[in-house]
PDB file of N, CA and C in Angstrom:
ATOM      1  N   MET A   1      86.811-145.376   2.038  1.00  0.00           N
ATOM      2  CA  MET A   1      85.483-145.708   1.549  1.00  0.00           C
ATOM      3  C   MET A   1      84.933-146.887   2.337  1.00  0.00           C
ATOM      4  N   ILE A   2      83.655-146.819   2.659  1.00  0.00           N
ATOM      5  CA  ILE A   2      82.997-147.883   3.406  1.00  0.00           C
ATOM      6  C   ILE A   2      82.707-149.046   2.460  1.00  0.00           C
ATOM      7  N   PRO A   3      83.070-150.269   2.852  1.00  0.00           N
ATOM      8  CA  PRO A   3      82.774-151.422   1.994  1.00  0.00           C
ATOM      9  C   PRO A   3      81.259-151.575   1.821  1.00  0.00           C
ATOM     10  N   THR A   4      80.849-151.999   0.657  1.00  0.00           N
ATOM     11  CA  THR A   4      79.426-152.196   0.376  1.00  0.00           C
ATOM     12  C   THR A   4      79.169-153.644  -0.010  1.00  0.00           C
ATOM     13  N   GLN A   5      77.898-153.997  -0.006  1.00  0.00           N
ATOM     14  CA  GLN A   5      77.490-155.334  -0.410  1.00  0.00           C
ATOM     15  C   GLN A   5      76.216-155.199  -1.225  1.00  0.00           C
ATOM     16  N   ASN A   6      76.114-155.959  -2.285  1.00  0.00           N
ATOM     17  CA  ASN A   6      74.917-155.936  -3.114  1.00  0.00           C
ATOM     18  C   ASN A   6      73.750-156.563  -2.377  1.00  0.00           C
ATOM     19  N   LEU A   7      72.540-156.101  -2.719  1.00  0.00           N
ATOM     20  CA  LEU A   7      71.313-156.587  -2.115  1.00  0.00           C
ATOM     21  C   LEU A   7      70.283-156.737  -3.231  1.00  0.00           C
ATOM     22  N   THR A   8      69.640-157.878  -3.282  1.00  0.00           N
ATOM     23  CA  THR A   8      68.621-158.114  -4.295  1.00  0.00           C
ATOM     24  C   THR A   8      67.248-157.951  -3.654  1.00  0.00           C
ATOM     25  N   LEU A   9      66.405-157.135  -4.270  1.00  0.00           N
ATOM     26  CA  LEU A   9      65.053-156.911  -3.772  1.00  0.00           C
ATOM     27  C   LEU A   9      64.037-157.299  -4.827  1.00  0.00           C
ATOM     28  N   ARG A  10      62.921-157.798  -4.363  1.00  0.00           N
ATOM     29  CA  ARG A  10      61.799-158.048  -5.268  1.00  0.00           C
ATOM     30  C   ARG A  10      60.781-156.955  -4.956  1.00  0.00           C
ATOM     31  N   VAL A  11      60.555-156.100  -5.941  1.00  0.00           N
ATOM     32  CA  VAL A  11      59.674-154.944  -5.779  1.00  0.00           C
ATOM     33  C   VAL A  11      58.543-155.051  -6.797  1.00  0.00           C
ATOM     34  N   PRO A  12      57.310-154.809  -6.371  1.00  0.00           N
ATOM     35  CA  PRO A  12      56.216-154.816  -7.339  1.00  0.00           C
ATOM     36  C   PRO A  12      56.492-153.821  -8.468  1.00  0.00           C
ATOM     37  N   LYS A  13      56.187-154.229  -9.688  1.00  0.00           N
ATOM     38  CA  LYS A  13      56.488-153.399 -10.855  1.00  0.00           C
ATOM     39  C   LYS A  13      55.885-151.995 -10.768  1.00  0.00           C
ATOM     40  N   PRO A  14      54.629-151.837 -10.344  1.00  0.00           N
ATOM     41  CA  PRO A  14      54.085-150.472 -10.263  1.00  0.00           C
ATOM     42  C   PRO A  14      54.867-149.585  -9.286  1.00  0.00           C
ATOM     43  N   LEU A  15      55.312-150.173  -8.180  1.00  0.00           N
ATOM     44  CA  LEU A  15      56.098-149.411  -7.214  1.00  0.00           C
ATOM     45  C   LEU A  15      57.445-149.022  -7.807  1.00  0.00           C
ATOM     46  N   LEU A  16      58.096-149.953  -8.471  1.00  0.00           N
ATOM     47  CA  LEU A  16      59.382-149.660  -9.092  1.00  0.00           C
ATOM     48  C   LEU A  16      59.248-148.555 -10.134  1.00  0.00           C
ATOM     49  N   LYS A  17      58.170-148.586 -10.872  1.00  0.00           N
ATOM     50  CA  LYS A  17      57.939-147.554 -11.887  1.00  0.00           C
ATOM     51  C   LYS A  17      57.838-146.176 -11.214  1.00  0.00           C
ATOM     52  N   ARG A  18      57.083-146.108 -10.122  1.00  0.00           N
ATOM     53  CA  ARG A  18      56.948-144.839  -9.397  1.00  0.00           C
ATOM     54  C   ARG A  18      58.275-144.397  -8.790  1.00  0.00           C
ATOM     55  N   LEU A  19      59.040-145.360  -8.263  1.00  0.00           N
ATOM     56  CA  LEU A  19      60.352-145.023  -7.689  1.00  0.00           C
ATOM     57  C   LEU A  19      61.293-144.464  -8.753  1.00  0.00           C
ATOM     58  N   LYS A  20      61.240-145.036  -9.944  1.00  0.00           N
ATOM     59  CA  LYS A  20      62.076-144.530 -11.034  1.00  0.00           C
ATOM     60  C   LYS A  20      61.694-143.097 -11.390  1.00  0.00           C
ATOM     61  N   LEU A  21      60.397-142.805 -11.364  1.00  0.00           N
ATOM     62  CA  LEU A  21      59.953-141.438 -11.637  1.00  0.00           C
ATOM     63  C   LEU A  21      60.439-140.469 -10.561  1.00  0.00           C
ATOM     64  N   VAL A  22      60.315-140.871  -9.326  1.00  0.00           N
ATOM     65  CA  VAL A  22      60.778-140.031  -8.216  1.00  0.00           C
ATOM     66  C   VAL A  22      62.280-139.794  -8.332  1.00  0.00           C
ATOM     67  N   ALA A  23      63.029-140.849  -8.608  1.00  0.00           N
ATOM     68  CA  ALA A  23      64.486-140.721  -8.744  1.00  0.00           C
ATOM     69  C   ALA A  23      64.823-139.765  -9.882  1.00  0.00           C
ATOM     70  N   ALA A  24      64.135-139.897 -11.008  1.00  0.00           N
ATOM     71  CA  ALA A  24      64.406-139.014 -12.151  1.00  0.00           C
ATOM     72  C   ALA A  24      64.084-137.563 -11.799  1.00  0.00           C
ATOM     73  N   GLU A  25      62.971-137.340 -11.099  1.00  0.00           N
ATOM     74  CA  GLU A  25      62.601-135.981 -10.684  1.00  0.00           C
ATOM     75  C   GLU A  25      63.657-135.361  -9.783  1.00  0.00           C
ATOM     76  N   ARG A  26      64.288-136.190  -8.969  1.00  0.00           N
ATOM     77  CA  ARG A  26      65.293-135.699  -8.018  1.00  0.00           C
ATOM     78  C   ARG A  26      66.712-135.746  -8.591  1.00  0.00           C
ATOM     79  N   GLY A  27      66.820-136.252  -9.804  1.00  0.00           N
ATOM     80  CA  GLY A  27      68.141-136.326 -10.422  1.00  0.00           C
ATOM     81  C   GLY A  27      69.063-137.322  -9.744  1.00  0.00           C
ATOM     82  N   THR A  28      68.512-138.431  -9.321  1.00  0.00           N
ATOM     83  CA  THR A  28      69.300-139.447  -8.618  1.00  0.00           C
ATOM     84  C   THR A  28      68.899-140.828  -9.134  1.00  0.00           C
ATOM     85  N   SER A  29      69.339-141.856  -8.470  1.00  0.00           N
ATOM     86  CA  SER A  29      69.023-143.228  -8.874  1.00  0.00           C
ATOM     87  C   SER A  29      68.095-143.867  -7.851  1.00  0.00           C
ATOM     88  N   VAL A  30      67.470-144.960  -8.248  1.00  0.00           N
ATOM     89  CA  VAL A  30      66.628-145.719  -7.317  1.00  0.00           C
ATOM     90  C   VAL A  30      67.496-146.236  -6.171  1.00  0.00           C
ATOM     91  N   THR A  31      68.694-146.662  -6.486  1.00  0.00           N
ATOM     92  CA  THR A  31      69.613-147.138  -5.447  1.00  0.00           C
ATOM     93  C   THR A  31      69.869-146.048  -4.413  1.00  0.00           C
ATOM     94  N   ALA A  32      70.146-144.829  -4.877  1.00  0.00           N
ATOM     95  CA  ALA A  32      70.397-143.722  -3.955  1.00  0.00           C
ATOM     96  C   ALA A  32      69.159-143.402  -3.122  1.00  0.00           C
ATOM     97  N   LEU A  33      67.979-143.464  -3.732  1.00  0.00           N
ATOM     98  CA  LEU A  33      66.737-143.232  -2.989  1.00  0.00           C
ATOM     99  C   LEU A  33      66.571-144.257  -1.872  1.00  0.00           C
ATOM    100  N   LEU A  34      66.752-145.525  -2.224  1.00  0.00           N
ATOM    101  CA  LEU A  34      66.583-146.591  -1.239  1.00  0.00           C
ATOM    102  C   LEU A  34      67.644-146.517  -0.148  1.00  0.00           C
ATOM    103  N   LEU A  35      68.855-146.186  -0.524  1.00  0.00           N
ATOM    104  CA  LEU A  35      69.920-146.056   0.468  1.00  0.00           C
ATOM    105  C   LEU A  35      69.600-144.928   1.452  1.00  0.00           C
ATOM    106  N   ALA A  36      69.088-143.811   0.942  1.00  0.00           N
ATOM    107  CA  ALA A  36      68.705-142.699   1.821  1.00  0.00           C
ATOM    108  C   ALA A  36      67.593-143.129   2.772  1.00  0.00           C
ATOM    109  N   ALA A  37      66.618-143.896   2.266  1.00  0.00           N
ATOM    110  CA  ALA A  37      65.527-144.371   3.111  1.00  0.00           C
ATOM    111  C   ALA A  37      66.044-145.323   4.190  1.00  0.00           C
ATOM    112  N   LEU A  38      66.958-146.199   3.826  1.00  0.00           N
ATOM    113  CA  LEU A  38      67.526-147.143   4.796  1.00  0.00           C
ATOM    114  C   LEU A  38      68.356-146.412   5.850  1.00  0.00           C
ATOM    115  N   ARG A  39      69.096-145.404   5.429  1.00  0.00           N
ATOM    116  CA  ARG A  39      69.868-144.610   6.397  1.00  0.00           C
ATOM    117  C   ARG A  39      68.934-143.881   7.357  1.00  0.00           C
ATOM    118  N   ASP A  40      67.803-143.396   6.835  1.00  0.00           N
ATOM    119  CA  ASP A  40      66.822-142.718   7.675  1.00  0.00           C
ATOM    120  C   ASP A  40      66.261-143.677   8.722  1.00  0.00           C
ATOM    121  N   VAL A  41      65.947-144.902   8.331  1.00  0.00           N
ATOM    122  CA  VAL A  41      65.459-145.907   9.280  1.00  0.00           C
ATOM    123  C   VAL A  41      66.502-146.147  10.373  1.00  0.00           C
ATOM    124  N   ASP A  42      67.757-146.282   9.963  1.00  0.00           N
ATOM    125  CA  ASP A  42      68.831-146.529  10.924  1.00  0.00           C
ATOM    126  C   ASP A  42      69.017-145.337  11.862  1.00  0.00           C
ATOM    127  N   GLU A  43      68.953-144.122  11.322  1.00  0.00           N
ATOM    128  CA  GLU A  43      69.113-142.910  12.139  1.00  0.00           C
ATOM    129  C   GLU A  43      67.970-142.778  13.145  1.00  0.00           C
ATOM    130  N   ARG A  44      66.758-143.046  12.701  1.00  0.00           N
ATOM    131  CA  ARG A  44      65.610-142.977  13.616  1.00  0.00           C
ATOM    132  C   ARG A  44      65.734-144.011  14.732  1.00  0.00           C
ATOM    133  N   ARG A  45      66.224-145.197  14.385  1.00  0.00           N
ATOM    134  CA  ARG A  45      66.429-146.233  15.407  1.00  0.00           C
ATOM    135  C   ARG A  45      67.444-145.761  16.428  1.00  0.00           C
ATOM    136  N   SER A  46      68.529-145.153  15.952  1.00  0.00           N
ATOM    137  CA  SER A  46      69.570-144.642  16.850  1.00  0.00           C
ATOM    138  C   SER A  46      69.026-143.529  17.737  1.00  0.00           C
ATOM    139  N   GLN A  47      68.248-142.621  17.150  1.00  0.00           N
ATOM    140  CA  GLN A  47      67.671-141.522  17.928  1.00  0.00           C
ATOM    141  C   GLN A  47      66.698-142.044  18.978  1.00  0.00           C
ATOM    142  N   TYR A  48      65.890-143.033  18.601  1.00  0.00           N
ATOM    143  CA  TYR A  48      64.947-143.624  19.550  1.00  0.00           C
ATOM    144  C   TYR A  48      65.704-144.267  20.714  1.00  0.00           C
ATOM    145  N   ALA A  49      66.765-145.015  20.398  1.00  0.00           N
ATOM    146  CA  ALA A  49      67.540-145.685  21.447  1.00  0.00           C
ATOM    147  C   ALA A  49      68.145-144.658  22.396  1.00  0.00           C
ATOM    148  N   ALA A  50      68.663-143.560  21.864  1.00  0.00           N
ATOM    149  CA  ALA A  50      69.259-142.513  22.700  1.00  0.00           C
ATOM    150  C   ALA A  50      68.191-141.843  23.566  1.00  0.00           C
ATOM    151  N   ALA A  51      67.023-141.560  22.989  1.00  0.00           N
ATOM    152  CA  ALA A  51      65.939-140.932  23.745  1.00  0.00           C
ATOM    153  C   ALA A  51      65.444-141.857  24.850  1.00  0.00           C
ATOM    154  N   ARG A  52      65.354-143.144  24.536  1.00  0.00           N
ATOM    155  CA  ARG A  52      64.921-144.120  25.541  1.00  0.00           C
ATOM    156  C   ARG A  52      65.915-144.168  26.695  1.00  0.00           C
ATOM    157  N   LYS A  53      67.196-144.164  26.363  1.00  0.00           N
ATOM    158  CA  LYS A  53      68.237-144.201  27.392  1.00  0.00           C
ATOM    159  C   LYS A  53      68.145-142.964  28.289  1.00  0.00           C
ATOM    160  N   ARG A  54      67.944-141.784  27.665  1.00  0.00           N
ATOM    161  CA  ARG A  54      67.806-140.547  28.446  1.00  0.00           C
ATOM    162  C   ARG A  54      66.581-140.595  29.346  1.00  0.00           C
ATOM    163  N   SER A  55      65.471-141.108  28.821  1.00  0.00           N
ATOM    164  CA  SER A  55      64.233-141.175  29.603  1.00  0.00           C
ATOM    165  C   SER A  55      64.376-142.108  30.791  1.00  0.00           C
ATOM    166  N   LEU A  56      64.989-143.257  30.563  1.00  0.00           N
ATOM    167  CA  LEU A  56      65.185-144.202  31.667  1.00  0.00           C
ATOM    168  C   LEU A  56      66.124-143.622  32.716  1.00  0.00           C
ATOM    169  N   ALA A  57      67.152-142.903  32.268  1.00  0.00           N
ATOM    170  CA  ALA A  57      68.078-142.274  33.220  1.00  0.00           C
ATOM    171  C   ALA A  57      67.358-141.192  34.029  1.00  0.00           C
ATOM    172  N   ALA A  58      66.473-140.442  33.384  1.00  0.00           N
ATOM    173  CA  ALA A  58      65.732-139.389  34.082  1.00  0.00           C
ATOM    174  C   ALA A  58      64.821-139.976  35.158  1.00  0.00           C
ATOM    175  N   MET A  59      64.296-141.183  34.913  1.00  0.00           N
ATOM    176  CA  MET A  59      63.438-141.820  35.912  1.00  0.00           C
ATOM    177  C   MET A  59      64.232-142.220  37.154  1.00  0.00           C
ATOM    178  N   ASP A  60      65.534-142.421  36.990  1.00  0.00           N
ATOM    179  CA  ASP A  60      66.374-142.781  38.134  1.00  0.00           C
ATOM    180  C   ASP A  60      66.726-141.569  38.992  1.00  0.00           C
ATOM    181  N   ARG A  61      66.511-140.371  38.468  1.00  0.00           N
ATOM    182  CA  ARG A  61      66.797-139.148  39.222  1.00  0.00           C
ATOM    183  C   ARG A  61      65.623-138.182  39.076  1.00  0.00           C
ATOM    184  N   PRO A  62      64.512-138.501  39.758  1.00  0.00           N
ATOM    185  CA  PRO A  62      63.317-137.668  39.622  1.00  0.00           C
ATOM    186  C   PRO A  62      63.543-136.252  40.137  1.00  0.00           C
ATOM    187  N   THR A  63      62.798-135.322  39.575  1.00  0.00           N
ATOM    188  CA  THR A  63      62.878-133.924  39.969  1.00  0.00           C
ATOM    189  C   THR A  63      62.122-133.708  41.265  1.00  0.00           C
ATOM    190  N   ASP A  64      62.740-133.001  42.204  1.00  0.00           N
ATOM    191  CA  ASP A  64      62.077-132.674  43.459  1.00  0.00           C
ATOM    192  C   ASP A  64      61.131-131.506  43.205  1.00  0.00           C
ATOM    193  N   LEU A  65      59.873-131.706  43.482  1.00  0.00           N
ATOM    194  CA  LEU A  65      58.867-130.667  43.263  1.00  0.00           C
ATOM    195  C   LEU A  65      58.588-129.871  44.530  1.00  0.00           C
ATOM    196  N   GLY A  66      59.500-129.930  45.482  1.00  0.00           N
ATOM    197  CA  GLY A  66      59.371-129.149  46.704  1.00  0.00           C
ATOM    198  C   GLY A  66      58.780-129.913  47.870  1.00  0.00           C
ATOM    199  N   SER A  67      58.337-131.136  47.652  1.00  0.00           N
ATOM    200  CA  SER A  67      57.716-131.899  48.735  1.00  0.00           C
ATOM    201  C   SER A  67      58.735-132.786  49.452  1.00  0.00           C
ATOM    202  N   HIS A  68      59.926-132.861  48.914  1.00  0.00           N
ATOM    203  CA  HIS A  68      60.995-133.701  49.479  1.00  0.00           C
ATOM    204  C   HIS A  68      60.548-135.141  49.651  1.00  0.00           C
ATOM    205  N   GLY A  69      59.721-135.605  48.721  1.00  0.00           N
ATOM    206  CA  GLY A  69      59.285-136.989  48.728  1.00  0.00           C
ATOM    207  C   GLY A  69      58.136-137.285  49.663  1.00  0.00           C
ATOM    208  N   GLN A  70      57.603-136.270  50.325  1.00  0.00           N
ATOM    209  CA  GLN A  70      56.508-136.469  51.267  1.00  0.00           C
ATOM    210  C   GLN A  70      55.291-135.670  50.811  1.00  0.00           C
ATOM    211  N   ALA A  71      54.156-136.302  50.775  1.00  0.00           N
ATOM    212  CA  ALA A  71      52.920-135.604  50.424  1.00  0.00           C
ATOM    213  C   ALA A  71      52.442-134.818  51.644  1.00  0.00           C
ATOM    214  N   PRO A  72      52.147-133.523  51.493  1.00  0.00           N
ATOM    215  CA  PRO A  72      51.716-132.709  52.634  1.00  0.00           C
ATOM    216  C   PRO A  72      50.218-132.869  52.932  1.00  0.00           C
ATOM    217  N   TRP A  73      49.603-133.881  52.364  1.00  0.00           N
ATOM    218  CA  TRP A  73      48.184-134.128  52.571  1.00  0.00           C
ATOM    219  C   TRP A  73      47.987-135.608  52.823  1.00  0.00           C
ATOM    220  N   THR A  74      46.825-135.928  53.324  1.00  0.00           N
ATOM    221  CA  THR A  74      46.476-137.332  53.521  1.00  0.00           C
ATOM    222  C   THR A  74      45.435-137.725  52.482  1.00  0.00           C
ATOM    223  N   ARG A  75      45.249-138.984  52.344  1.00  0.00           N
ATOM    224  CA  ARG A  75      44.255-139.480  51.391  1.00  0.00           C
ATOM    225  C   ARG A  75      42.871-138.983  51.779  1.00  0.00           C
ATOM    226  N   ASP A  76      42.580-139.021  53.075  1.00  0.00           N
ATOM    227  CA  ASP A  76      41.262-138.584  53.536  1.00  0.00           C
ATOM    228  C   ASP A  76      41.049-137.103  53.230  1.00  0.00           C
ATOM    229  N   GLU A  77      42.076-136.276  53.380  1.00  0.00           N
ATOM    230  CA  GLU A  77      41.933-134.849  53.074  1.00  0.00           C
ATOM    231  C   GLU A  77      41.621-134.637  51.596  1.00  0.00           C
ATOM    232  N   LEU A  78      42.237-135.434  50.745  1.00  0.00           N
ATOM    233  CA  LEU A  78      41.988-135.299  49.308  1.00  0.00           C
ATOM    234  C   LEU A  78      40.585-135.717  48.916  1.00  0.00           C
ATOM    235  N   HIS A  79      40.000-136.638  49.686  1.00  0.00           N
ATOM    236  CA  HIS A  79      38.695-137.177  49.335  1.00  0.00           C
ATOM    237  C   HIS A  79      37.575-136.631  50.200  1.00  0.00           C
ATOM    238  N   GLU A  80      37.830-135.541  50.948  1.00  0.00           N
ATOM    239  CA  GLU A  80      36.762-134.929  51.763  1.00  0.00           C
ATOM    240  C   GLU A  80      35.681-134.392  50.858  1.00  0.00           C
ATOM    241  N   ARG A  81      34.486-134.482  51.320  1.00  0.00           N
ATOM    242  CA  ARG A  81      33.347-133.961  50.536  1.00  0.00           C
ATOM    243  C   ARG A  81      32.606-132.950  51.333  1.00  0.00           C
TER     244      ARG A  81
END
C-alpha cells in the first residue's frame, strides 16, 4: 500500500455542497473525487512532459522532404511577378 498523508483544504461551502452531491450521485466520497481529480492533473502533466520530449527529439531529426536540405528555387524566382 502506498503511504498517504492528510491534507486540509478550505473550500467554499457552496462548492463543498455541490461536491457532496456529485459524490453521492457517483456512490463515492468527496475524498475519492478529489483524489481522482489530483491524479488526473498529475497524469496530464506526465503526458505533456512526454509529448514535449518527443516533439523536441523530432526537431533534432527533421524529415527529409526530398530536397536534401537544399531549396531548388531562389528567392527571386519565388517573388517573380
